[in-house]
Amino acid sequence: METSSIRASEITRDWYLVDAENQTLGRLASKIAQILRGKSKPYFTPHMDMGDFVVVINAEKVKVTGNKEADKTYFRHSGYPGGITKLNLKKVRQIHPEKIIANAVRGMLPHNRLGVKLLKHLKIYTTEVHPHEAQQPKPLAL
């Protein structure tokens, strides 16, 4: 029995619309990562980009459990001595709420060139308005 491998020209990509309102961050991010990766497709191949596009709306209304709103921190470093910046989830939600979901999904994708390419298929918007109506995204119930 031979193992078949799919060609890049045979890959079909769909668009999905996810409403993040009142969704738990980790559960939402893991489902989005699976769709971006293409793991739900029967011809999944780990080294290829075969996932679908995901449009996330209402990113500012995603919920977290426990005391994460005050305790969860995001780190950045400028590269200079003493250049570390820490922000908690509450502050990030005020400034860039789309980065909360993007950061969670990025941690669940491969940490290589493929993961960077897959993350470009994720479109996140803070409100219900998005410019992807022409792609006719299918609503995804989580």
N, C-alpha and C. Protein backbone atom coordinates (compact mmCIF):
# COMPACT_ATOMS: atom_id res chain seq x y z
N MET A 1 0.84 -1.18 0.00
CA MET A 1 0.00 0.00 0.00
C MET A 1 0.88 1.24 0.00
N GLU A 2 0.57 2.19 -0.87
CA GLU A 2 1.37 3.41 -0.97
C GLU A 2 0.77 4.53 -0.13
N THR A 3 1.65 5.36 0.37
CA THR A 3 1.20 6.57 1.06
C THR A 3 1.11 7.67 0.04
N SER A 4 -0.06 8.25 -0.09
CA SER A 4 -0.23 9.30 -1.09
C SER A 4 0.06 10.66 -0.46
N SER A 5 0.59 11.55 -1.26
CA SER A 5 0.87 12.90 -0.82
C SER A 5 0.18 13.87 -1.77
N ILE A 6 -0.39 14.89 -1.23
CA ILE A 6 -1.15 15.84 -2.04
C ILE A 6 -0.21 16.90 -2.62
N ARG A 7 -0.54 17.38 -3.80
CA ARG A 7 0.24 18.44 -4.44
C ARG A 7 -0.30 19.79 -4.00
N ALA A 8 0.52 20.82 -4.12
CA ALA A 8 0.09 22.17 -3.73
C ALA A 8 -1.05 22.66 -4.61
N SER A 9 -1.10 22.22 -5.86
CA SER A 9 -2.16 22.66 -6.77
C SER A 9 -3.51 22.01 -6.44
N GLU A 10 -3.52 20.94 -5.67
CA GLU A 10 -4.75 20.23 -5.33
C GLU A 10 -5.39 20.71 -4.03
N ILE A 11 -4.75 21.64 -3.33
CA ILE A 11 -5.25 22.12 -2.05
C ILE A 11 -6.38 23.11 -2.27
N THR A 12 -7.47 22.92 -1.56
CA THR A 12 -8.59 23.86 -1.61
C THR A 12 -8.66 24.59 -0.28
N ARG A 13 -8.88 25.91 -0.36
CA ARG A 13 -8.92 26.72 0.84
C ARG A 13 -10.30 27.36 0.99
N ASP A 14 -10.85 27.27 2.18
CA ASP A 14 -12.12 27.90 2.49
C ASP A 14 -11.87 29.08 3.42
N TRP A 15 -12.89 29.91 3.57
CA TRP A 15 -12.85 31.03 4.50
C TRP A 15 -13.88 30.78 5.58
N TYR A 16 -13.49 30.97 6.83
CA TYR A 16 -14.39 30.79 7.96
C TYR A 16 -14.49 32.08 8.75
N LEU A 17 -15.66 32.33 9.29
CA LEU A 17 -15.92 33.50 10.12
C LEU A 17 -16.18 33.03 11.54
N VAL A 18 -15.41 33.56 12.49
CA VAL A 18 -15.53 33.18 13.89
C VAL A 18 -15.89 34.41 14.71
N ASP A 19 -16.94 34.32 15.49
CA ASP A 19 -17.33 35.39 16.39
C ASP A 19 -16.73 35.09 17.76
N ALA A 20 -15.82 35.95 18.22
CA ALA A 20 -15.10 35.70 19.47
C ALA A 20 -15.85 36.19 20.70
N GLU A 21 -17.03 36.74 20.52
CA GLU A 21 -17.77 37.28 21.66
C GLU A 21 -18.15 36.17 22.62
N ASN A 22 -17.77 36.35 23.90
CA ASN A 22 -18.03 35.40 24.99
C ASN A 22 -17.41 34.03 24.76
N GLN A 23 -16.36 33.94 23.97
CA GLN A 23 -15.62 32.69 23.78
C GLN A 23 -14.40 32.71 24.70
N THR A 24 -14.06 31.57 25.26
CA THR A 24 -12.88 31.47 26.10
C THR A 24 -11.64 31.48 25.22
N LEU A 25 -10.64 32.26 25.61
CA LEU A 25 -9.48 32.52 24.77
C LEU A 25 -8.74 31.26 24.33
N GLY A 26 -8.40 30.37 25.25
CA GLY A 26 -7.62 29.19 24.91
C GLY A 26 -8.36 28.22 24.01
N ARG A 27 -9.63 27.99 24.29
CA ARG A 27 -10.43 27.07 23.48
C ARG A 27 -10.63 27.62 22.07
N LEU A 28 -10.84 28.93 21.99
CA LEU A 28 -11.00 29.59 20.70
C LEU A 28 -9.70 29.50 19.90
N ALA A 29 -8.58 29.79 20.55
CA ALA A 29 -7.29 29.78 19.86
C ALA A 29 -6.90 28.40 19.36
N SER A 30 -7.20 27.36 20.14
CA SER A 30 -6.84 26.01 19.70
C SER A 30 -7.66 25.58 18.50
N LYS A 31 -8.94 25.95 18.46
CA LYS A 31 -9.78 25.60 17.31
C LYS A 31 -9.31 26.35 16.06
N ILE A 32 -8.97 27.64 16.23
CA ILE A 32 -8.48 28.43 15.10
C ILE A 32 -7.16 27.86 14.59
N ALA A 33 -6.27 27.46 15.49
CA ALA A 33 -4.98 26.89 15.08
C ALA A 33 -5.17 25.60 14.29
N GLN A 34 -6.12 24.77 14.68
CA GLN A 34 -6.38 23.53 13.94
C GLN A 34 -6.88 23.82 12.53
N ILE A 35 -7.73 24.83 12.39
CA ILE A 35 -8.25 25.18 11.07
C ILE A 35 -7.14 25.77 10.20
N LEU A 36 -6.32 26.65 10.78
CA LEU A 36 -5.22 27.25 10.03
C LEU A 36 -4.22 26.19 9.57
N ARG A 37 -4.01 25.20 10.38
CA ARG A 37 -3.06 24.14 10.07
C ARG A 37 -3.62 23.15 9.06
N GLY A 38 -4.94 23.00 9.01
CA GLY A 38 -5.55 22.06 8.07
C GLY A 38 -5.72 20.67 8.64
N LYS A 39 -5.71 20.55 9.96
CA LYS A 39 -5.77 19.23 10.58
C LYS A 39 -7.12 18.55 10.43
N SER A 40 -8.15 19.31 10.12
CA SER A 40 -9.47 18.71 9.97
C SER A 40 -9.68 18.09 8.60
N LYS A 41 -8.74 18.31 7.69
CA LYS A 41 -8.88 17.78 6.33
C LYS A 41 -8.36 16.34 6.27
N PRO A 42 -8.97 15.51 5.46
CA PRO A 42 -8.55 14.11 5.40
C PRO A 42 -7.17 13.91 4.77
N TYR A 43 -6.70 14.87 4.01
CA TYR A 43 -5.40 14.73 3.35
C TYR A 43 -4.35 15.62 4.01
N PHE A 44 -4.41 15.77 5.32
CA PHE A 44 -3.47 16.60 6.06
C PHE A 44 -2.03 16.10 5.88
N THR A 45 -1.16 17.03 5.58
CA THR A 45 0.27 16.76 5.46
C THR A 45 1.00 17.75 6.35
N PRO A 46 1.81 17.30 7.31
CA PRO A 46 2.37 18.20 8.31
C PRO A 46 3.31 19.27 7.77
N HIS A 47 3.99 19.01 6.67
CA HIS A 47 4.99 19.97 6.21
C HIS A 47 4.45 20.95 5.18
N MET A 48 3.14 20.90 4.89
CA MET A 48 2.58 21.77 3.86
C MET A 48 1.56 22.74 4.46
N ASP A 49 1.43 23.88 3.79
CA ASP A 49 0.41 24.86 4.16
C ASP A 49 -0.88 24.47 3.45
N MET A 50 -1.78 23.82 4.16
CA MET A 50 -3.02 23.38 3.54
C MET A 50 -4.25 23.82 4.34
N GLY A 51 -4.05 24.75 5.24
CA GLY A 51 -5.14 25.22 6.07
C GLY A 51 -6.02 26.24 5.38
N ASP A 52 -7.07 26.62 6.07
CA ASP A 52 -8.04 27.56 5.55
C ASP A 52 -7.78 28.95 6.15
N PHE A 53 -8.49 29.94 5.62
CA PHE A 53 -8.41 31.29 6.14
C PHE A 53 -9.46 31.45 7.24
N VAL A 54 -9.12 32.22 8.28
CA VAL A 54 -10.03 32.44 9.39
C VAL A 54 -10.15 33.94 9.63
N VAL A 55 -11.38 34.44 9.66
CA VAL A 55 -11.67 35.84 9.99
C VAL A 55 -12.32 35.84 11.36
N VAL A 56 -11.70 36.55 12.30
CA VAL A 56 -12.21 36.63 13.67
C VAL A 56 -12.79 38.03 13.88
N ILE A 57 -14.03 38.09 14.33
CA ILE A 57 -14.65 39.38 14.63
C ILE A 57 -14.93 39.46 16.14
N ASN A 58 -15.15 40.66 16.63
CA ASN A 58 -15.40 40.93 18.05
C ASN A 58 -14.25 40.44 18.93
N ALA A 59 -13.03 40.71 18.53
CA ALA A 59 -11.87 40.24 19.28
C ALA A 59 -11.78 40.89 20.65
N GLU A 60 -12.31 42.08 20.81
CA GLU A 60 -12.21 42.77 22.10
C GLU A 60 -13.15 42.16 23.14
N LYS A 61 -14.09 41.30 22.72
CA LYS A 61 -15.06 40.73 23.64
C LYS A 61 -14.74 39.29 24.03
N VAL A 62 -13.52 38.83 23.72
CA VAL A 62 -13.13 37.47 24.11
C VAL A 62 -12.96 37.46 25.63
N LYS A 63 -13.32 36.33 26.25
CA LYS A 63 -13.24 36.28 27.71
C LYS A 63 -12.13 35.35 28.16
N VAL A 64 -11.67 35.60 29.35
CA VAL A 64 -10.67 34.75 30.00
C VAL A 64 -11.23 34.35 31.35
N THR A 65 -10.76 33.24 31.87
CA THR A 65 -11.27 32.74 33.14
C THR A 65 -10.30 33.10 34.26
N GLY A 66 -10.79 32.99 35.46
CA GLY A 66 -9.94 33.22 36.63
C GLY A 66 -9.51 34.67 36.75
N ASN A 67 -8.29 34.87 37.20
CA ASN A 67 -7.76 36.20 37.46
C ASN A 67 -6.78 36.63 36.36
N LYS A 68 -6.93 36.05 35.16
CA LYS A 68 -5.98 36.33 34.08
C LYS A 68 -6.02 37.77 33.61
N GLU A 69 -7.15 38.42 33.74
CA GLU A 69 -7.27 39.81 33.29
C GLU A 69 -6.22 40.70 33.95
N ALA A 70 -5.88 40.43 35.19
CA ALA A 70 -4.88 41.23 35.90
C ALA A 70 -3.52 40.55 35.96
N ASP A 71 -3.49 39.21 35.95
CA ASP A 71 -2.23 38.48 36.18
C ASP A 71 -1.47 38.11 34.91
N LYS A 72 -2.16 37.87 33.81
CA LYS A 72 -1.48 37.44 32.58
C LYS A 72 -0.68 38.61 32.02
N THR A 73 0.60 38.38 31.75
CA THR A 73 1.46 39.46 31.25
C THR A 73 2.03 39.12 29.89
N TYR A 74 2.23 40.15 29.09
CA TYR A 74 2.84 40.05 27.77
C TYR A 74 4.16 40.79 27.82
N PHE A 75 5.23 40.16 27.32
CA PHE A 75 6.57 40.74 27.37
C PHE A 75 7.04 41.15 25.99
N ARG A 76 7.76 42.25 25.95
CA ARG A 76 8.47 42.69 24.75
C ARG A 76 9.85 43.13 25.19
N HIS A 77 10.81 43.03 24.30
CA HIS A 77 12.16 43.52 24.62
C HIS A 77 12.70 44.23 23.40
N SER A 78 13.25 45.41 23.61
CA SER A 78 13.74 46.22 22.51
C SER A 78 15.09 45.74 22.00
N GLY A 79 15.80 44.96 22.80
CA GLY A 79 17.14 44.52 22.43
C GLY A 79 18.22 45.31 23.15
N TYR A 80 17.84 46.38 23.79
CA TYR A 80 18.78 47.20 24.55
C TYR A 80 18.71 46.82 26.03
N PRO A 81 19.79 47.07 26.78
CA PRO A 81 19.75 46.77 28.21
C PRO A 81 18.62 47.54 28.90
N GLY A 82 17.86 46.84 29.70
CA GLY A 82 16.74 47.47 30.40
C GLY A 82 15.56 47.76 29.51
N GLY A 83 15.51 47.18 28.32
CA GLY A 83 14.47 47.49 27.35
C GLY A 83 13.27 46.58 27.40
N ILE A 84 13.01 45.97 28.55
CA ILE A 84 11.86 45.07 28.65
C ILE A 84 10.60 45.88 28.94
N THR A 85 9.50 45.48 28.33
CA THR A 85 8.21 46.11 28.55
C THR A 85 7.22 45.02 28.91
N LYS A 86 6.53 45.20 30.03
CA LYS A 86 5.52 44.24 30.47
C LYS A 86 4.17 44.92 30.44
N LEU A 87 3.19 44.24 29.88
CA LEU A 87 1.82 44.72 29.88
C LEU A 87 0.91 43.58 30.33
N ASN A 88 -0.08 43.90 31.17
CA ASN A 88 -1.02 42.85 31.53
C ASN A 88 -2.15 42.79 30.52
N LEU A 89 -2.97 41.77 30.61
CA LEU A 89 -4.03 41.52 29.64
C LEU A 89 -5.03 42.67 29.58
N LYS A 90 -5.31 43.27 30.71
CA LYS A 90 -6.27 44.38 30.75
C LYS A 90 -5.78 45.56 29.92
N LYS A 91 -4.49 45.86 30.01
CA LYS A 91 -3.91 46.98 29.26
C LYS A 91 -3.84 46.66 27.76
N VAL A 92 -3.47 45.43 27.42
CA VAL A 92 -3.40 45.02 26.01
C VAL A 92 -4.80 45.05 25.39
N ARG A 93 -5.82 44.69 26.15
CA ARG A 93 -7.19 44.73 25.66
C ARG A 93 -7.62 46.15 25.31
N GLN A 94 -7.13 47.13 26.05
CA GLN A 94 -7.45 48.53 25.77
C GLN A 94 -6.71 49.05 24.55
N ILE A 95 -5.45 48.66 24.38
CA ILE A 95 -4.61 49.21 23.32
C ILE A 95 -4.80 48.45 22.01
N HIS A 96 -4.52 47.14 22.00
CA HIS A 96 -4.60 46.31 20.79
C HIS A 96 -5.30 44.99 21.13
N PRO A 97 -6.63 44.95 21.18
CA PRO A 97 -7.32 43.71 21.56
C PRO A 97 -7.11 42.56 20.58
N GLU A 98 -6.78 42.87 19.31
CA GLU A 98 -6.56 41.78 18.35
C GLU A 98 -5.28 41.01 18.64
N LYS A 99 -4.34 41.61 19.35
CA LYS A 99 -3.08 40.93 19.66
C LYS A 99 -3.25 39.83 20.69
N ILE A 100 -4.32 39.87 21.46
CA ILE A 100 -4.57 38.83 22.45
C ILE A 100 -4.80 37.50 21.74
N ILE A 101 -5.66 37.50 20.75
CA ILE A 101 -5.96 36.26 20.01
C ILE A 101 -4.79 35.87 19.13
N ALA A 102 -4.15 36.85 18.48
CA ALA A 102 -3.02 36.54 17.60
C ALA A 102 -1.88 35.88 18.36
N ASN A 103 -1.61 36.36 19.55
CA ASN A 103 -0.52 35.80 20.36
C ASN A 103 -0.86 34.39 20.82
N ALA A 104 -2.12 34.15 21.20
CA ALA A 104 -2.52 32.82 21.64
C ALA A 104 -2.45 31.81 20.50
N VAL A 105 -2.90 32.22 19.31
CA VAL A 105 -2.87 31.31 18.16
C VAL A 105 -1.43 31.06 17.72
N ARG A 106 -0.60 32.10 17.73
CA ARG A 106 0.79 31.96 17.31
C ARG A 106 1.53 30.94 18.16
N GLY A 107 1.21 30.88 19.46
CA GLY A 107 1.85 29.91 20.34
C GLY A 107 1.43 28.48 20.05
N MET A 108 0.32 28.29 19.35
CA MET A 108 -0.18 26.94 19.04
C MET A 108 0.18 26.47 17.64
N LEU A 109 0.84 27.32 16.86
CA LEU A 109 1.28 26.95 15.52
C LEU A 109 2.75 26.55 15.57
N PRO A 110 3.27 25.90 14.52
CA PRO A 110 4.69 25.54 14.51
C PRO A 110 5.57 26.78 14.60
N HIS A 111 6.68 26.64 15.30
CA HIS A 111 7.61 27.75 15.50
C HIS A 111 8.70 27.72 14.44
N ASN A 112 8.30 27.87 13.18
CA ASN A 112 9.24 27.89 12.07
C ASN A 112 8.63 28.71 10.93
N ARG A 113 9.19 28.60 9.73
CA ARG A 113 8.69 29.38 8.58
C ARG A 113 7.24 29.03 8.25
N LEU A 114 6.88 27.78 8.43
CA LEU A 114 5.51 27.36 8.14
C LEU A 114 4.52 28.06 9.08
N GLY A 115 4.87 28.17 10.35
CA GLY A 115 4.00 28.84 11.30
C GLY A 115 3.80 30.31 10.97
N VAL A 116 4.84 30.97 10.49
CA VAL A 116 4.74 32.37 10.09
C VAL A 116 3.80 32.50 8.89
N LYS A 117 3.92 31.58 7.96
CA LYS A 117 3.07 31.60 6.77
C LYS A 117 1.61 31.33 7.13
N LEU A 118 1.38 30.40 8.06
CA LEU A 118 0.02 30.07 8.47
C LEU A 118 -0.64 31.23 9.21
N LEU A 119 0.13 31.97 9.98
CA LEU A 119 -0.42 33.08 10.76
C LEU A 119 -0.92 34.21 9.86
N LYS A 120 -0.41 34.27 8.64
CA LYS A 120 -0.86 35.29 7.70
C LYS A 120 -2.27 34.99 7.18
N HIS A 121 -2.77 33.77 7.41
CA HIS A 121 -4.12 33.42 6.99
C HIS A 121 -5.15 33.77 8.05
N LEU A 122 -4.70 34.36 9.15
CA LEU A 122 -5.59 34.75 10.24
C LEU A 122 -5.84 36.25 10.16
N LYS A 123 -7.11 36.64 10.06
CA LYS A 123 -7.50 38.05 9.99
C LYS A 123 -8.35 38.35 11.22
N ILE A 124 -7.91 39.31 12.04
CA ILE A 124 -8.58 39.60 13.30
C ILE A 124 -9.07 41.04 13.30
N TYR A 125 -10.33 41.23 13.71
CA TYR A 125 -10.94 42.55 13.77
C TYR A 125 -11.62 42.74 15.11
N THR A 126 -11.54 43.95 15.65
CA THR A 126 -12.07 44.21 16.99
C THR A 126 -13.59 44.33 17.01
N THR A 127 -14.20 44.70 15.91
CA THR A 127 -15.65 44.83 15.85
C THR A 127 -16.22 43.83 14.84
N GLU A 128 -17.50 43.96 14.54
CA GLU A 128 -18.14 43.04 13.59
C GLU A 128 -17.87 43.39 12.13
N VAL A 129 -17.30 44.55 11.88
CA VAL A 129 -17.06 45.01 10.51
C VAL A 129 -15.74 44.42 10.02
N HIS A 130 -15.78 43.81 8.83
CA HIS A 130 -14.56 43.27 8.22
C HIS A 130 -14.67 43.39 6.71
N PRO A 131 -13.52 43.51 6.00
CA PRO A 131 -13.54 43.71 4.54
C PRO A 131 -13.51 42.42 3.72
N HIS A 132 -13.93 41.29 4.28
CA HIS A 132 -13.81 40.01 3.59
C HIS A 132 -15.16 39.44 3.18
N GLU A 133 -16.13 40.30 2.90
CA GLU A 133 -17.43 39.82 2.47
C GLU A 133 -17.36 39.15 1.10
N ALA A 134 -16.45 39.60 0.24
CA ALA A 134 -16.34 39.04 -1.11
C ALA A 134 -15.90 37.58 -1.08
N GLN A 135 -15.19 37.16 -0.03
CA GLN A 135 -14.74 35.77 0.07
C GLN A 135 -15.86 34.85 0.59
N GLN A 136 -16.97 35.41 0.99
CA GLN A 136 -18.11 34.67 1.51
C GLN A 136 -17.70 33.67 2.60
N PRO A 137 -17.19 34.17 3.74
CA PRO A 137 -16.77 33.25 4.79
C PRO A 137 -17.94 32.51 5.42
N LYS A 138 -17.73 31.23 5.69
CA LYS A 138 -18.76 30.42 6.30
C LYS A 138 -18.70 30.62 7.82
N PRO A 139 -19.85 30.84 8.47
CA PRO A 139 -19.80 30.99 9.93
C PRO A 139 -19.41 29.67 10.58
N LEU A 140 -18.54 29.76 11.56
CA LEU A 140 -18.04 28.57 12.25
C LEU A 140 -18.53 28.60 13.69
N ALA A 141 -19.32 27.63 14.07
CA ALA A 141 -19.83 27.55 15.43
C ALA A 141 -18.83 26.78 16.28
N LEU A 142 -18.45 27.38 17.39
CA LEU A 142 -17.50 26.73 18.28
C LEU A 142 -18.16 26.31 19.57
